[in-house]
Amino acid sequence: MPGLHILGVHIPINACSACVEKGYEFFAKAPAGKYDRIFLMDRPKDQYHIK
């Protein structure tokens, strides 16, 4: 029996502004129908988002 399908995007603590932007872009554009859950961990801002 297959498990859940997730996408996890992690923005490292010392990420440059371009990498932070790319992380949010991946999160925003991730197809919700393809994954059961989509996670974004923004370490510089100490924030965790789920969609």
C-alpha atoms as a PDB file:
ATOM      1  CA  MET A   1       0.000   0.000   0.000  1.00  0.00           C
ATOM      2  CA  PRO A   2       1.604   3.300  -1.046  1.00  0.00           C
ATOM      3  CA  GLY A   3       1.951   6.103   1.466  1.00  0.00           C
ATOM      4  CA  LEU A   4       1.150   9.766   1.132  1.00  0.00           C
ATOM      5  CA  HIS A   5       2.912  11.907  -1.447  1.00  0.00           C
ATOM      6  CA  ILE A   6       4.404  15.131  -0.130  1.00  0.00           C
ATOM      7  CA  LEU A   7       6.586  17.931  -1.410  1.00  0.00           C
ATOM      8  CA  GLY A   8       8.894  19.584   1.084  1.00  0.00           C
ATOM      9  CA  VAL A   9      10.632  22.873   0.319  1.00  0.00           C
ATOM     10  CA  HIS A  10      13.339  23.917   2.765  1.00  0.00           C
ATOM     11  CA  ILE A  11      14.912  27.369   2.766  1.00  0.00           C
ATOM     12  CA  PRO A  12      18.209  27.158   4.711  1.00  0.00           C
ATOM     13  CA  ILE A  13      19.045  29.574   7.507  1.00  0.00           C
ATOM     14  CA  ASN A  14      21.757  31.371   5.469  1.00  0.00           C
ATOM     15  CA  ALA A  15      19.917  31.360   2.126  1.00  0.00           C
ATOM     16  CA  CYS A  16      20.510  34.263  -0.242  1.00  0.00           C
ATOM     17  CA  SER A  17      17.536  36.358  -1.340  1.00  0.00           C
ATOM     18  CA  ALA A  18      17.400  34.616  -4.739  1.00  0.00           C
ATOM     19  CA  CYS A  19      17.174  31.199  -3.046  1.00  0.00           C
ATOM     20  CA  VAL A  20      14.443  32.405  -0.690  1.00  0.00           C
ATOM     21  CA  GLU A  21      12.494  33.713  -3.670  1.00  0.00           C
ATOM     22  CA  LYS A  22      12.956  30.421  -5.548  1.00  0.00           C
ATOM     23  CA  GLY A  23      11.765  28.437  -2.527  1.00  0.00           C
ATOM     24  CA  TYR A  24       8.542  30.450  -2.305  1.00  0.00           C
ATOM     25  CA  GLU A  25       8.116  30.108  -6.073  1.00  0.00           C
ATOM     26  CA  PHE A  26       8.409  26.289  -5.856  1.00  0.00           C
ATOM     27  CA  PHE A  27       5.874  26.272  -3.024  1.00  0.00           C
ATOM     28  CA  ALA A  28       3.404  28.552  -4.839  1.00  0.00           C
ATOM     29  CA  LYS A  29       3.609  26.676  -8.145  1.00  0.00           C
ATOM     30  CA  ALA A  30       3.490  23.138  -6.740  1.00  0.00           C
ATOM     31  CA  PRO A  31       0.471  21.312  -8.172  1.00  0.00           C
ATOM     32  CA  ALA A  32      -1.816  20.554  -5.217  1.00  0.00           C
ATOM     33  CA  GLY A  33      -3.494  17.675  -7.084  1.00  0.00           C
ATOM     34  CA  LYS A  34      -0.174  15.848  -7.394  1.00  0.00           C
ATOM     35  CA  TYR A  35       0.635  15.854  -3.651  1.00  0.00           C
ATOM     36  CA  ASP A  36      -1.309  15.069  -0.495  1.00  0.00           C
ATOM     37  CA  ARG A  37       0.502  17.874   1.342  1.00  0.00           C
ATOM     38  CA  ILE A  38       2.982  20.580   0.376  1.00  0.00           C
ATOM     39  CA  PHE A  39       5.292  22.008   3.039  1.00  0.00           C
ATOM     40  CA  LEU A  40       7.552  25.043   3.106  1.00  0.00           C
ATOM     41  CA  MET A  41      10.058  25.551   5.912  1.00  0.00           C
ATOM     42  CA  ASP A  42      11.474  29.073   5.898  1.00  0.00           C
ATOM     43  CA  ARG A  43      14.345  28.893   8.390  1.00  0.00           C
ATOM     44  CA  PRO A  44      15.453  32.568   8.120  1.00  0.00           C
ATOM     45  CA  LYS A  45      11.940  33.739   9.083  1.00  0.00           C
ATOM     46  CA  ASP A  46      11.295  30.760  11.391  1.00  0.00           C
ATOM     47  CA  GLN A  47       8.023  30.033   9.542  1.00  0.00           C
ATOM     48  CA  TYR A  48       6.352  26.798   8.447  1.00  0.00           C
ATOM     49  CA  HIS A  49       3.636  26.737   5.771  1.00  0.00           C
ATOM     50  CA  ILE A  50       1.351  23.903   4.655  1.00  0.00           C
ATOM     51  CA  LYS A  51      -1.028  23.689   1.720  1.00  0.00           C
END
